[in-house]
Amino acid sequence: MTMKAITIREYGDVNQLHEEELAIPQIADDEVLVKIKNTSINPIDWKARMGLLKQMYDWQFPVVLGWDLSGVITKVGKDVKDFKVGDEVFARPDIYEDGTKGTYAEYAAVKEDKLALKPANVSFEEAAAIPLAGLTAWQVIVDRLKVQKGDKVLVQAGAGGVGIFAIQIAKHLGAYVATTASAKNAKFLKGLGADEVIDYHEHKIEDVLQDYDAVFDTIDALDEGLAILKPTGKLVTIAGHPTQQQQEAQPSATAWWLQPNGKQLAELGDLVAKGEVKVIIDSTFPLTEDGLRAAHERSQTNHARGKIVINVG
């Protein structure tokens, strides 16, 4: 049995994205097979396409990119206990050494502990937009920065996929949230709960903010972020590489790489279902060569407001 997938057979520009037929993945005992309804685009996708992850993932070609999905389970491994055929789910699957197991495809294998049930009042498109960006924001705001009620938090680049979730999660926890964005996104971000939006074209954050408890850096601006923190403050980056000195100093800077987690994803889905966190979709494209090429180009502008979603079919 085969499925449609969008693959790359060498690293390079968007023209490397091609449609082809691949075998439907075989599942392990602790995995389910998901018929994918939607996937979404993240910056890691086009960075991988360009070959920037070669040191981390030594894939053989062809490679199927994509690490978000929503869909319906069509098959379960013998050790799977909490999910069954027909369940509507969403997930950030593992990045497998076998590079053909991405989500730009009609089917994907997902380990049980990475799955969450899709809430009934959350659409498949919304669900596919949550996992990678939402879990990244959750793990930084909740687990790494340990944001609490009354804390002052800066989220860099608030209008991006991760930033939108981070602002809302920090507000949900009771924080005062500042963010950076262009002027045209100020009203939009205040509508999501941001208390203060700094136009990065007009102001440096260190001239405007001080005595902050936490900085979530998504743009590799470590020095600027550290400059606004209290001595006890923390900065976590998903874009930069803190020096040993920055990691050991007060305030401190550390880096974080997402860890897929089905239980945390279920908690996030619950917040979305209750209306505590909104999913913002920038645009949608079909699972075709042209669709994926256009979606990658849109993501690479860094001007998407929210998530770019792919309709698989």
C-alpha atoms as a PDB file:
ATOM      1  CA  MET A   1       0.000   0.000   0.000  1.00  0.00           C
ATOM      2  CA  THR A   2       1.271   3.436  -0.918  1.00  0.00           C
ATOM      3  CA  MET A   3       0.470   7.018  -0.002  1.00  0.00           C
ATOM      4  CA  LYS A   4       1.075  10.482  -1.396  1.00  0.00           C
ATOM      5  CA  ALA A   5       3.925  12.386   0.262  1.00  0.00           C
ATOM      6  CA  ILE A   6       5.919  15.524  -0.416  1.00  0.00           C
ATOM      7  CA  THR A   7       9.623  14.717  -0.229  1.00  0.00           C
ATOM      8  CA  ILE A   8      13.077  16.148  -0.777  1.00  0.00           C
ATOM      9  CA  ARG A   9      15.797  14.120  -2.484  1.00  0.00           C
ATOM     10  CA  GLU A  10      18.544  16.658  -1.860  1.00  0.00           C
ATOM     11  CA  TYR A  11      18.989  19.779   0.267  1.00  0.00           C
ATOM     12  CA  GLY A  12      18.248  23.150  -1.271  1.00  0.00           C
ATOM     13  CA  ASP A  13      15.515  25.662  -2.090  1.00  0.00           C
ATOM     14  CA  VAL A  14      11.746  25.139  -2.309  1.00  0.00           C
ATOM     15  CA  ASN A  15      12.105  23.533  -5.743  1.00  0.00           C
ATOM     16  CA  GLN A  16      13.477  20.430  -3.986  1.00  0.00           C
ATOM     17  CA  LEU A  17       9.950  19.697  -2.658  1.00  0.00           C
ATOM     18  CA  HIS A  18       8.410  17.015  -4.888  1.00  0.00           C
ATOM     19  CA  GLU A  19       5.322  14.814  -4.765  1.00  0.00           C
ATOM     20  CA  GLU A  20       5.828  11.062  -4.873  1.00  0.00           C
ATOM     21  CA  GLU A  21       4.304   7.770  -3.785  1.00  0.00           C
ATOM     22  CA  LEU A  22       5.847   6.100  -0.734  1.00  0.00           C
ATOM     23  CA  ALA A  23       4.963   2.995   1.241  1.00  0.00           C
ATOM     24  CA  ILE A  24       2.535   3.595   4.118  1.00  0.00           C
ATOM     25  CA  PRO A  25       4.625   3.375   7.334  1.00  0.00           C
ATOM     26  CA  GLN A  26       4.759   0.116   9.275  1.00  0.00           C
ATOM     27  CA  ILE A  27       3.949   0.670  12.949  1.00  0.00           C
ATOM     28  CA  ALA A  28       5.826  -0.663  15.978  1.00  0.00           C
ATOM     29  CA  ASP A  29       4.013  -2.269  18.929  1.00  0.00           C
ATOM     30  CA  ASP A  30       3.867   1.077  20.803  1.00  0.00           C
ATOM     31  CA  GLU A  31       2.718   3.101  17.799  1.00  0.00           C
ATOM     32  CA  VAL A  32      -0.508   3.961  16.004  1.00  0.00           C
ATOM     33  CA  LEU A  33      -1.041   4.716  12.326  1.00  0.00           C
ATOM     34  CA  VAL A  34      -2.755   8.052  11.750  1.00  0.00           C
ATOM     35  CA  LYS A  35      -4.563   9.016   8.546  1.00  0.00           C
ATOM     36  CA  ILE A  36      -3.524  12.649   8.467  1.00  0.00           C
ATOM     37  CA  LYS A  37      -6.126  15.386   7.976  1.00  0.00           C
ATOM     38  CA  ASN A  38      -3.817  18.368   8.487  1.00  0.00           C
ATOM     39  CA  THR A  39      -0.211  19.203   9.168  1.00  0.00           C
ATOM     40  CA  SER A  40       1.475  22.576   9.659  1.00  0.00           C
ATOM     41  CA  ILE A  41       4.656  24.422   8.768  1.00  0.00           C
ATOM     42  CA  ASN A  42       7.361  25.355  11.273  1.00  0.00           C
ATOM     43  CA  PRO A  43      10.729  27.058  10.694  1.00  0.00           C
ATOM     44  CA  ILE A  44      12.468  23.739  11.461  1.00  0.00           C
ATOM     45  CA  ASP A  45      10.893  22.410   8.234  1.00  0.00           C
ATOM     46  CA  TRP A  46      12.640  24.795   5.848  1.00  0.00           C
ATOM     47  CA  LYS A  47      15.827  24.808   7.917  1.00  0.00           C
ATOM     48  CA  ALA A  48      15.881  21.014   7.500  1.00  0.00           C
ATOM     49  CA  ARG A  49      15.140  21.374   3.770  1.00  0.00           C
ATOM     50  CA  MET A  50      18.150  23.680   3.446  1.00  0.00           C
ATOM     51  CA  GLY A  51      20.407  21.123   5.168  1.00  0.00           C
ATOM     52  CA  LEU A  52      20.871  23.085   8.400  1.00  0.00           C
ATOM     53  CA  LEU A  53      20.008  20.057  10.596  1.00  0.00           C
ATOM     54  CA  LYS A  54      22.478  17.662   8.975  1.00  0.00           C
ATOM     55  CA  GLN A  55      24.614  17.451  12.115  1.00  0.00           C
ATOM     56  CA  MET A  56      21.601  16.417  14.210  1.00  0.00           C
ATOM     57  CA  TYR A  57      19.815  14.098  11.784  1.00  0.00           C
ATOM     58  CA  ASP A  58      21.788  11.947   9.375  1.00  0.00           C
ATOM     59  CA  TRP A  59      18.895  11.093   7.073  1.00  0.00           C
ATOM     60  CA  GLN A  60      19.053   9.086   3.889  1.00  0.00           C
ATOM     61  CA  PHE A  61      17.005  10.481   1.000  1.00  0.00           C
ATOM     62  CA  PRO A  62      14.137  10.710   0.262  1.00  0.00           C
ATOM     63  CA  VAL A  63      13.142  12.739   3.328  1.00  0.00           C
ATOM     64  CA  VAL A  64       9.554  13.582   4.322  1.00  0.00           C
ATOM     65  CA  LEU A  65       9.556  16.778   6.379  1.00  0.00           C
ATOM     66  CA  GLY A  66       6.847  17.926   8.806  1.00  0.00           C
ATOM     67  CA  TRP A  67       6.368  17.389  12.562  1.00  0.00           C
ATOM     68  CA  ASP A  68       2.764  18.313  13.360  1.00  0.00           C
ATOM     69  CA  LEU A  69      -0.378  16.366  12.615  1.00  0.00           C
ATOM     70  CA  SER A  70      -4.057  15.946  13.268  1.00  0.00           C
ATOM     71  CA  GLY A  71      -6.055  13.015  11.989  1.00  0.00           C
ATOM     72  CA  VAL A  72      -7.791   9.727  12.688  1.00  0.00           C
ATOM     73  CA  ILE A  73      -6.216   6.502  13.963  1.00  0.00           C
ATOM     74  CA  THR A  74      -6.563   3.651  11.466  1.00  0.00           C
ATOM     75  CA  LYS A  75      -4.379   1.014  13.152  1.00  0.00           C
ATOM     76  CA  VAL A  76      -2.935   0.439  16.660  1.00  0.00           C
ATOM     77  CA  GLY A  77       0.103  -1.548  17.820  1.00  0.00           C
ATOM     78  CA  LYS A  78      -0.441  -4.429  20.239  1.00  0.00           C
ATOM     79  CA  ASP A  79       1.029  -2.528  23.221  1.00  0.00           C
ATOM     80  CA  VAL A  80      -1.125   0.593  22.759  1.00  0.00           C
ATOM     81  CA  LYS A  81      -3.571   0.904  25.654  1.00  0.00           C
ATOM     82  CA  ASP A  82      -5.181   4.353  25.671  1.00  0.00           C
ATOM     83  CA  PHE A  83      -6.087   4.871  21.999  1.00  0.00           C
ATOM     84  CA  LYS A  84      -8.188   2.940  19.493  1.00  0.00           C
ATOM     85  CA  VAL A  85      -9.049   2.879  15.808  1.00  0.00           C
ATOM     86  CA  GLY A  86     -11.329   5.806  14.970  1.00  0.00           C
ATOM     87  CA  ASP A  87      -9.958   8.177  17.630  1.00  0.00           C
ATOM     88  CA  GLU A  88      -9.427  11.749  16.454  1.00  0.00           C
ATOM     89  CA  VAL A  89      -5.956  12.779  17.601  1.00  0.00           C
ATOM     90  CA  PHE A  90      -3.186  15.340  17.243  1.00  0.00           C
ATOM     91  CA  ALA A  91       0.533  15.037  17.899  1.00  0.00           C
ATOM     92  CA  ARG A  92       4.065  16.256  17.488  1.00  0.00           C
ATOM     93  CA  PRO A  93       5.581  12.900  16.460  1.00  0.00           C
ATOM     94  CA  ASP A  94       9.195  11.983  17.133  1.00  0.00           C
ATOM     95  CA  ILE A  95      11.810  12.927  14.556  1.00  0.00           C
ATOM     96  CA  TYR A  96      12.846   9.474  13.373  1.00  0.00           C
ATOM     97  CA  GLU A  97      16.255   8.470  12.038  1.00  0.00           C
ATOM     98  CA  ASP A  98      14.254   7.115   9.117  1.00  0.00           C
ATOM     99  CA  GLY A  99      13.650  10.417   7.354  1.00  0.00           C
ATOM    100  CA  THR A 100      10.574   9.121   5.506  1.00  0.00           C
ATOM    101  CA  LYS A 101       8.366   9.378   8.629  1.00  0.00           C
ATOM    102  CA  GLY A 102       7.482  13.077   8.518  1.00  0.00           C
ATOM    103  CA  THR A 103       3.950  14.455   8.256  1.00  0.00           C
ATOM    104  CA  TYR A 104       3.898  15.910   4.723  1.00  0.00           C
ATOM    105  CA  ALA A 105       2.074  12.705   3.859  1.00  0.00           C
ATOM    106  CA  GLU A 106      -1.276  10.940   3.976  1.00  0.00           C
ATOM    107  CA  TYR A 107      -0.252   8.659   6.880  1.00  0.00           C
ATOM    108  CA  ALA A 108       2.202   8.751   9.782  1.00  0.00           C
ATOM    109  CA  ALA A 109       3.280   6.424  12.585  1.00  0.00           C
ATOM    110  CA  VAL A 110       3.107   8.020  16.047  1.00  0.00           C
ATOM    111  CA  LYS A 111       4.205   6.631  19.411  1.00  0.00           C
ATOM    112  CA  GLU A 112       1.375   6.403  21.950  1.00  0.00           C
ATOM    113  CA  ASP A 113       3.066   8.711  24.462  1.00  0.00           C
ATOM    114  CA  LYS A 114       3.211  11.538  21.886  1.00  0.00           C
ATOM    115  CA  LEU A 115      -0.542  11.425  21.120  1.00  0.00           C
ATOM    116  CA  ALA A 116      -3.418  13.473  22.504  1.00  0.00           C
ATOM    117  CA  LEU A 117      -7.130  13.125  21.806  1.00  0.00           C
ATOM    118  CA  LYS A 118      -8.462  16.043  19.745  1.00  0.00           C
ATOM    119  CA  PRO A 119     -11.178  17.919  21.649  1.00  0.00           C
ATOM    120  CA  ALA A 120     -14.502  17.747  19.799  1.00  0.00           C
ATOM    121  CA  ASN A 121     -14.846  21.541  19.542  1.00  0.00           C
ATOM    122  CA  VAL A 122     -11.335  22.039  18.107  1.00  0.00           C
ATOM    123  CA  SER A 123     -11.087  21.634  14.318  1.00  0.00           C
ATOM    124  CA  PHE A 124      -8.516  19.398  12.650  1.00  0.00           C
ATOM    125  CA  GLU A 125      -6.878  22.531  11.172  1.00  0.00           C
ATOM    126  CA  GLU A 126      -6.610  24.145  14.614  1.00  0.00           C
ATOM    127  CA  ALA A 127      -5.339  20.923  16.189  1.00  0.00           C
ATOM    128  CA  ALA A 128      -2.575  20.559  13.596  1.00  0.00           C
ATOM    129  CA  ALA A 129      -1.422  24.112  14.360  1.00  0.00           C
ATOM    130  CA  ILE A 130      -0.884  23.408  18.074  1.00  0.00           C
ATOM    131  CA  PRO A 131       1.729  20.691  18.691  1.00  0.00           C
ATOM    132  CA  LEU A 132       5.218  21.951  17.857  1.00  0.00           C
ATOM    133  CA  ALA A 133       4.645  25.666  18.469  1.00  0.00           C
ATOM    134  CA  GLY A 134       2.296  25.157  21.411  1.00  0.00           C
ATOM    135  CA  LEU A 135       4.475  22.595  23.190  1.00  0.00           C
ATOM    136  CA  THR A 136       7.570  24.746  22.681  1.00  0.00           C
ATOM    137  CA  ALA A 137       5.789  27.705  24.288  1.00  0.00           C
ATOM    138  CA  TRP A 138       4.378  25.535  27.104  1.00  0.00           C
ATOM    139  CA  GLN A 139       7.704  23.932  27.978  1.00  0.00           C
ATOM    140  CA  VAL A 140       9.554  27.258  28.039  1.00  0.00           C
ATOM    141  CA  ILE A 141       6.915  29.346  29.870  1.00  0.00           C
ATOM    142  CA  VAL A 142       5.713  26.704  32.338  1.00  0.00           C
ATOM    143  CA  ASP A 143       8.621  24.288  32.824  1.00  0.00           C
ATOM    144  CA  ARG A 144      11.793  26.307  32.157  1.00  0.00           C
ATOM    145  CA  LEU A 145      10.914  29.887  33.101  1.00  0.00           C
ATOM    146  CA  LYS A 146       8.391  28.724  35.721  1.00  0.00           C
ATOM    147  CA  VAL A 147       6.256  31.820  35.143  1.00  0.00           C
ATOM    148  CA  GLN A 148       3.938  32.663  38.032  1.00  0.00           C
ATOM    149  CA  LYS A 149       1.177  35.144  38.735  1.00  0.00           C
ATOM    150  CA  GLY A 150       2.541  38.687  38.848  1.00  0.00           C
ATOM    151  CA  ASP A 151       5.782  37.933  36.992  1.00  0.00           C
ATOM    152  CA  LYS A 152       6.903  40.321  34.251  1.00  0.00           C
ATOM    153  CA  VAL A 153       7.640  38.365  31.087  1.00  0.00           C
ATOM    154  CA  LEU A 154       8.972  39.413  27.681  1.00  0.00           C
ATOM    155  CA  VAL A 155       8.095  37.239  24.686  1.00  0.00           C
ATOM    156  CA  GLN A 156      10.238  38.146  21.686  1.00  0.00           C
ATOM    157  CA  ALA A 157       8.471  38.131  18.272  1.00  0.00           C
ATOM    158  CA  GLY A 158       4.947  37.761  19.627  1.00  0.00           C
ATOM    159  CA  ALA A 159       3.179  37.425  16.273  1.00  0.00           C
ATOM    160  CA  GLY A 160       5.015  34.234  15.285  1.00  0.00           C
ATOM    161  CA  GLY A 161       3.656  30.736  15.769  1.00  0.00           C
ATOM    162  CA  VAL A 162       5.452  30.141  19.086  1.00  0.00           C
ATOM    163  CA  GLY A 163       5.060  33.722  20.326  1.00  0.00           C
ATOM    164  CA  ILE A 164       1.272  33.693  19.982  1.00  0.00           C
ATOM    165  CA  PHE A 165       1.030  30.614  22.210  1.00  0.00           C
ATOM    166  CA  ALA A 166       3.632  31.935  24.673  1.00  0.00           C
ATOM    167  CA  ILE A 167       1.782  35.223  25.238  1.00  0.00           C
ATOM    168  CA  GLN A 168      -1.498  33.446  25.916  1.00  0.00           C
ATOM    169  CA  ILE A 169       0.009  30.796  28.205  1.00  0.00           C
ATOM    170  CA  ALA A 170       1.867  33.453  30.230  1.00  0.00           C
ATOM    171  CA  LYS A 171      -1.350  35.512  30.564  1.00  0.00           C
ATOM    172  CA  HIS A 172      -3.239  32.374  31.590  1.00  0.00           C
ATOM    173  CA  LEU A 173      -0.713  31.998  34.422  1.00  0.00           C
ATOM    174  CA  GLY A 174      -1.329  35.590  35.534  1.00  0.00           C
ATOM    175  CA  ALA A 175       1.837  37.274  34.242  1.00  0.00           C
ATOM    176  CA  TYR A 176       2.321  40.813  32.921  1.00  0.00           C
ATOM    177  CA  VAL A 177       3.378  40.190  29.324  1.00  0.00           C
ATOM    178  CA  ALA A 178       5.385  42.432  27.036  1.00  0.00           C
ATOM    179  CA  THR A 179       6.207  41.463  23.474  1.00  0.00           C
ATOM    180  CA  THR A 180       7.998  42.780  20.408  1.00  0.00           C
ATOM    181  CA  ALA A 181       6.273  43.117  17.041  1.00  0.00           C
ATOM    182  CA  SER A 182       5.799  45.501  14.148  1.00  0.00           C
ATOM    183  CA  ALA A 183       3.267  48.297  14.704  1.00  0.00           C
ATOM    184  CA  LYS A 184       0.680  46.605  12.473  1.00  0.00           C
ATOM    185  CA  ASN A 185       0.486  43.641  14.878  1.00  0.00           C
ATOM    186  CA  ALA A 186       0.111  45.670  18.098  1.00  0.00           C
ATOM    187  CA  LYS A 187      -3.695  45.633  18.243  1.00  0.00           C
ATOM    188  CA  PHE A 188      -3.817  41.952  17.326  1.00  0.00           C
ATOM    189  CA  LEU A 189      -1.385  40.969  20.113  1.00  0.00           C
ATOM    190  CA  LYS A 190      -3.120  43.092  22.722  1.00  0.00           C
ATOM    191  CA  GLY A 191      -6.277  41.242  21.761  1.00  0.00           C
ATOM    192  CA  LEU A 192      -4.501  38.001  22.713  1.00  0.00           C
ATOM    193  CA  GLY A 193      -3.561  39.401  26.109  1.00  0.00           C
ATOM    194  CA  ALA A 194      -0.240  41.225  25.644  1.00  0.00           C
ATOM    195  CA  ASP A 195      -0.041  44.145  28.106  1.00  0.00           C
ATOM    196  CA  GLU A 196       2.654  45.983  26.188  1.00  0.00           C
ATOM    197  CA  VAL A 197       3.738  45.730  22.535  1.00  0.00           C
ATOM    198  CA  ILE A 198       7.105  47.255  21.609  1.00  0.00           C
ATOM    199  CA  ASP A 199       7.641  48.224  17.985  1.00  0.00           C
ATOM    200  CA  TYR A 200      11.099  46.808  17.309  1.00  0.00           C
ATOM    201  CA  HIS A 201      11.510  49.215  14.366  1.00  0.00           C
ATOM    202  CA  GLU A 202      11.252  52.171  16.750  1.00  0.00           C
ATOM    203  CA  HIS A 203      12.601  51.046  20.127  1.00  0.00           C
ATOM    204  CA  LYS A 204      15.267  48.880  21.700  1.00  0.00           C
ATOM    205  CA  ILE A 205      13.795  46.748  24.474  1.00  0.00           C
ATOM    206  CA  GLU A 206      16.562  47.716  26.900  1.00  0.00           C
ATOM    207  CA  ASP A 207      15.482  51.367  26.556  1.00  0.00           C
ATOM    208  CA  VAL A 208      11.866  50.527  27.433  1.00  0.00           C
ATOM    209  CA  LEU A 209      11.837  47.544  29.823  1.00  0.00           C
ATOM    210  CA  GLN A 210      13.626  46.787  33.094  1.00  0.00           C
ATOM    211  CA  ASP A 211      13.464  44.502  36.131  1.00  0.00           C
ATOM    212  CA  TYR A 212      11.841  41.624  34.241  1.00  0.00           C
ATOM    213  CA  ASP A 213      11.538  38.150  35.726  1.00  0.00           C
ATOM    214  CA  ALA A 214      11.671  36.186  32.474  1.00  0.00           C
ATOM    215  CA  VAL A 215      12.534  36.515  28.790  1.00  0.00           C
ATOM    216  CA  PHE A 216      11.485  34.014  26.119  1.00  0.00           C
ATOM    217  CA  ASP A 217      13.930  34.604  23.257  1.00  0.00           C
ATOM    218  CA  THR A 218      12.812  33.340  19.844  1.00  0.00           C
ATOM    219  CA  ILE A 219      15.077  35.575  17.706  1.00  0.00           C
ATOM    220  CA  ASP A 220      18.624  35.089  19.074  1.00  0.00           C
ATOM    221  CA  ALA A 221      18.844  38.445  20.892  1.00  0.00           C
ATOM    222  CA  LEU A 222      20.425  37.165  24.094  1.00  0.00           C
ATOM    223  CA  ASP A 223      22.382  40.254  25.151  1.00  0.00           C
ATOM    224  CA  GLU A 224      19.351  42.512  24.781  1.00  0.00           C
ATOM    225  CA  GLY A 225      17.143  40.084  26.694  1.00  0.00           C
ATOM    226  CA  LEU A 226      19.619  39.638  29.533  1.00  0.00           C
ATOM    227  CA  ALA A 227      19.942  43.426  29.853  1.00  0.00           C
ATOM    228  CA  ILE A 228      16.308  43.850  30.975  1.00  0.00           C
ATOM    229  CA  LEU A 229      16.271  41.073  33.585  1.00  0.00           C
ATOM    230  CA  LYS A 230      16.463  41.255  37.363  1.00  0.00           C
ATOM    231  CA  PRO A 231      19.599  39.586  38.787  1.00  0.00           C
ATOM    232  CA  THR A 232      17.411  36.586  39.635  1.00  0.00           C
ATOM    233  CA  GLY A 233      15.770  36.597  36.188  1.00  0.00           C
ATOM    234  CA  LYS A 234      16.010  33.880  33.553  1.00  0.00           C
ATOM    235  CA  LEU A 235      16.193  33.900  29.781  1.00  0.00           C
ATOM    236  CA  VAL A 236      15.394  30.813  27.727  1.00  0.00           C
ATOM    237  CA  THR A 237      16.202  30.828  24.018  1.00  0.00           C
ATOM    238  CA  ILE A 238      15.017  28.548  21.221  1.00  0.00           C
ATOM    239  CA  ALA A 239      17.093  30.478  18.670  1.00  0.00           C
ATOM    240  CA  GLY A 240      20.481  31.240  20.204  1.00  0.00           C
ATOM    241  CA  HIS A 241      23.440  29.486  21.795  1.00  0.00           C
ATOM    242  CA  PRO A 242      24.235  30.884  25.268  1.00  0.00           C
ATOM    243  CA  THR A 243      27.889  30.899  26.269  1.00  0.00           C
ATOM    244  CA  GLN A 244      29.001  29.027  29.370  1.00  0.00           C
ATOM    245  CA  GLN A 245      29.351  32.402  31.077  1.00  0.00           C
ATOM    246  CA  GLN A 246      25.764  33.391  30.183  1.00  0.00           C
ATOM    247  CA  GLN A 247      24.466  30.071  31.491  1.00  0.00           C
ATOM    248  CA  GLU A 248      26.237  30.451  34.846  1.00  0.00           C
ATOM    249  CA  ALA A 249      25.671  34.194  35.362  1.00  0.00           C
ATOM    250  CA  GLN A 250      22.848  35.975  37.172  1.00  0.00           C
ATOM    251  CA  PRO A 251      20.616  36.616  35.312  1.00  0.00           C
ATOM    252  CA  SER A 252      21.132  33.410  33.338  1.00  0.00           C
ATOM    253  CA  ALA A 253      20.480  32.267  29.795  1.00  0.00           C
ATOM    254  CA  THR A 254      19.805  28.689  28.692  1.00  0.00           C
ATOM    255  CA  ALA A 255      18.665  27.089  25.453  1.00  0.00           C
ATOM    256  CA  TRP A 256      15.743  24.710  24.967  1.00  0.00           C
ATOM    257  CA  TRP A 257      14.815  22.142  22.328  1.00  0.00           C
ATOM    258  CA  LEU A 258      11.257  20.820  22.283  1.00  0.00           C
ATOM    259  CA  GLN A 259      10.530  17.413  23.838  1.00  0.00           C
ATOM    260  CA  PRO A 260       7.358  15.841  22.360  1.00  0.00           C
ATOM    261  CA  ASN A 261       4.873  15.057  25.130  1.00  0.00           C
ATOM    262  CA  GLY A 262       1.336  13.754  24.718  1.00  0.00           C
ATOM    263  CA  LYS A 263       0.177  14.611  28.259  1.00  0.00           C
ATOM    264  CA  GLN A 264       1.249  18.255  27.951  1.00  0.00           C
ATOM    265  CA  LEU A 265      -0.358  18.390  24.508  1.00  0.00           C
ATOM    266  CA  ALA A 266      -3.635  17.176  26.009  1.00  0.00           C
ATOM    267  CA  GLU A 267      -3.468  19.963  28.616  1.00  0.00           C
ATOM    268  CA  LEU A 268      -2.876  22.506  25.854  1.00  0.00           C
ATOM    269  CA  GLY A 269      -5.775  21.081  23.862  1.00  0.00           C
ATOM    270  CA  ASP A 270      -7.973  21.488  26.927  1.00  0.00           C
ATOM    271  CA  LEU A 271      -7.027  25.181  27.209  1.00  0.00           C
ATOM    272  CA  VAL A 272      -7.894  25.651  23.527  1.00  0.00           C
ATOM    273  CA  ALA A 273     -11.189  23.781  23.942  1.00  0.00           C
ATOM    274  CA  LYS A 274     -12.115  26.054  26.877  1.00  0.00           C
ATOM    275  CA  GLY A 275     -11.259  29.209  24.920  1.00  0.00           C
ATOM    276  CA  GLU A 276      -8.359  30.109  27.253  1.00  0.00           C
ATOM    277  CA  VAL A 277      -5.905  29.880  24.347  1.00  0.00           C
ATOM    278  CA  LYS A 278      -6.793  30.774  20.755  1.00  0.00           C
ATOM    279  CA  VAL A 279      -5.228  29.089  17.732  1.00  0.00           C
ATOM    280  CA  ILE A 280      -4.358  31.655  15.067  1.00  0.00           C
ATOM    281  CA  ILE A 281      -4.073  30.353  11.511  1.00  0.00           C
ATOM    282  CA  ASP A 282      -2.231  32.604   9.072  1.00  0.00           C
ATOM    283  CA  SER A 283      -2.994  30.674   5.882  1.00  0.00           C
ATOM    284  CA  THR A 284      -3.729  27.212   4.495  1.00  0.00           C
ATOM    285  CA  PHE A 285      -2.269  25.350   1.512  1.00  0.00           C
ATOM    286  CA  PRO A 286      -2.929  21.939  -0.082  1.00  0.00           C
ATOM    287  CA  LEU A 287      -0.608  18.906   0.139  1.00  0.00           C
ATOM    288  CA  THR A 288       0.851  19.414  -3.347  1.00  0.00           C
ATOM    289  CA  GLU A 289       4.258  20.436  -4.675  1.00  0.00           C
ATOM    290  CA  ASP A 290       3.024  23.954  -5.359  1.00  0.00           C
ATOM    291  CA  GLY A 291       1.199  24.123  -2.032  1.00  0.00           C
ATOM    292  CA  LEU A 292       4.224  23.141   0.047  1.00  0.00           C
ATOM    293  CA  ARG A 293       6.563  25.380  -1.925  1.00  0.00           C
ATOM    294  CA  ALA A 294       4.265  28.359  -1.353  1.00  0.00           C
ATOM    295  CA  ALA A 295       3.867  27.458   2.326  1.00  0.00           C
ATOM    296  CA  HIS A 296       7.636  27.293   2.837  1.00  0.00           C
ATOM    297  CA  GLU A 297       8.084  30.623   1.081  1.00  0.00           C
ATOM    298  CA  ARG A 298       5.414  32.157   3.320  1.00  0.00           C
ATOM    299  CA  SER A 299       7.117  30.823   6.457  1.00  0.00           C
ATOM    300  CA  GLN A 300      10.534  32.044   5.341  1.00  0.00           C
ATOM    301  CA  THR A 301       9.320  35.650   5.153  1.00  0.00           C
ATOM    302  CA  ASN A 302       9.017  35.553   8.978  1.00  0.00           C
ATOM    303  CA  HIS A 303       5.870  37.662   8.532  1.00  0.00           C
ATOM    304  CA  ALA A 304       3.217  34.975   8.957  1.00  0.00           C
ATOM    305  CA  ARG A 305       0.753  35.929  11.717  1.00  0.00           C
ATOM    306  CA  GLY A 306       0.129  32.598  13.397  1.00  0.00           C
ATOM    307  CA  LYS A 307       0.456  29.140  11.892  1.00  0.00           C
ATOM    308  CA  ILE A 308       0.577  27.987   8.275  1.00  0.00           C
ATOM    309  CA  VAL A 309      -1.565  24.865   7.894  1.00  0.00           C
ATOM    310  CA  ILE A 310      -1.556  22.177   5.192  1.00  0.00           C
ATOM    311  CA  ASN A 311      -4.775  20.420   4.183  1.00  0.00           C
ATOM    312  CA  VAL A 312      -3.795  16.813   3.479  1.00  0.00           C
ATOM    313  CA  GLY A 313      -7.188  15.740   2.175  1.00  0.00           C
END
